[in-house]
Amino acid sequence: MSITITLPEEIERQLRQDWPDMERVALEGFLIEAYRQKRVSAYQVGGLLGLSDY
């Protein structure tokens, strides 16, 4: 699944200064919220983020 977020170019440039890999930051934020709401397990989050211990 792919999710598209539309941002004005100015805001994208501003955010990319601190987050060059904004796609990863967005994925992490999405997964954190899904985990917080008990929609996914820690194991699933680790797997989706490519963490080797999971």
C-alpha atoms as a PDB file:
ATOM      1  CA  MET A   1       0.000   0.000   0.000  1.00  0.00           C
ATOM      2  CA  SER A   2       1.156   3.506  -0.730  1.00  0.00           C
ATOM      3  CA  ILE A   3      -0.028   6.667   0.968  1.00  0.00           C
ATOM      4  CA  THR A   4       0.441  10.099  -0.575  1.00  0.00           C
ATOM      5  CA  ILE A   5       0.691  13.260   1.478  1.00  0.00           C
ATOM      6  CA  THR A   6       0.341  16.538  -0.388  1.00  0.00           C
ATOM      7  CA  LEU A   7       2.257  19.460   1.100  1.00  0.00           C
ATOM      8  CA  PRO A   8       2.984  22.905  -0.257  1.00  0.00           C
ATOM      9  CA  GLU A   9       6.555  22.995  -1.624  1.00  0.00           C
ATOM     10  CA  GLU A  10       7.648  25.567   0.945  1.00  0.00           C
ATOM     11  CA  ILE A  11       6.600  23.352   3.850  1.00  0.00           C
ATOM     12  CA  GLU A  12       8.213  20.303   2.254  1.00  0.00           C
ATOM     13  CA  ARG A  13      11.524  22.164   1.884  1.00  0.00           C
ATOM     14  CA  GLN A  14      11.303  23.362   5.474  1.00  0.00           C
ATOM     15  CA  LEU A  15      10.638  19.867   6.844  1.00  0.00           C
ATOM     16  CA  ARG A  16      13.294  18.199   4.683  1.00  0.00           C
ATOM     17  CA  GLN A  17      15.938  20.429   6.270  1.00  0.00           C
ATOM     18  CA  ASP A  18      15.532  18.446   9.496  1.00  0.00           C
ATOM     19  CA  TRP A  19      14.130  15.236   7.997  1.00  0.00           C
ATOM     20  CA  PRO A  20      15.882  14.412   4.715  1.00  0.00           C
ATOM     21  CA  ASP A  21      14.100  11.028   4.702  1.00  0.00           C
ATOM     22  CA  MET A  22      10.601  12.379   5.295  1.00  0.00           C
ATOM     23  CA  GLU A  23       9.056   9.204   3.937  1.00  0.00           C
ATOM     24  CA  ARG A  24      10.686   7.212   6.751  1.00  0.00           C
ATOM     25  CA  VAL A  25       9.631   9.794   9.351  1.00  0.00           C
ATOM     26  CA  ALA A  26       6.035   9.602   8.105  1.00  0.00           C
ATOM     27  CA  LEU A  27       6.094   5.784   8.205  1.00  0.00           C
ATOM     28  CA  GLU A  28       7.482   5.790  11.747  1.00  0.00           C
ATOM     29  CA  GLY A  29       4.844   8.289  12.900  1.00  0.00           C
ATOM     30  CA  PHE A  30       2.075   6.224  11.324  1.00  0.00           C
ATOM     31  CA  LEU A  31       3.334   3.026  12.948  1.00  0.00           C
ATOM     32  CA  ILE A  32       3.797   4.679  16.344  1.00  0.00           C
ATOM     33  CA  GLU A  33       0.188   5.815  16.299  1.00  0.00           C
ATOM     34  CA  ALA A  34      -1.029   2.396  15.107  1.00  0.00           C
ATOM     35  CA  TYR A  35       0.953   0.746  17.935  1.00  0.00           C
ATOM     36  CA  ARG A  36      -0.318   3.255  20.495  1.00  0.00           C
ATOM     37  CA  GLN A  37      -3.876   2.388  19.490  1.00  0.00           C
ATOM     38  CA  LYS A  38      -3.044  -1.327  19.718  1.00  0.00           C
ATOM     39  CA  ARG A  39      -3.703  -1.856  15.992  1.00  0.00           C
ATOM     40  CA  VAL A  40      -0.296  -3.481  15.397  1.00  0.00           C
ATOM     41  CA  SER A  41       2.157  -5.340  17.602  1.00  0.00           C
ATOM     42  CA  ALA A  42       5.714  -4.349  18.469  1.00  0.00           C
ATOM     43  CA  TYR A  43       6.815  -7.319  16.375  1.00  0.00           C
ATOM     44  CA  GLN A  44       4.926  -5.995  13.353  1.00  0.00           C
ATOM     45  CA  VAL A  45       6.323  -2.482  13.825  1.00  0.00           C
ATOM     46  CA  GLY A  46       9.856  -3.834  14.065  1.00  0.00           C
ATOM     47  CA  GLY A  47       9.398  -5.916  10.945  1.00  0.00           C
ATOM     48  CA  LEU A  48       7.954  -3.025   8.933  1.00  0.00           C
ATOM     49  CA  LEU A  49      10.828  -0.788   9.995  1.00  0.00           C
ATOM     50  CA  GLY A  50      13.413  -3.428   9.097  1.00  0.00           C
ATOM     51  CA  LEU A  51      14.718  -3.843  12.628  1.00  0.00           C
ATOM     52  CA  SER A  52      16.738  -7.035  12.812  1.00  0.00           C
ATOM     53  CA  ASP A  53      15.780  -7.974  16.396  1.00  0.00           C
ATOM     54  CA  TYR A  54      12.152  -8.286  15.373  1.00  0.00           C
END
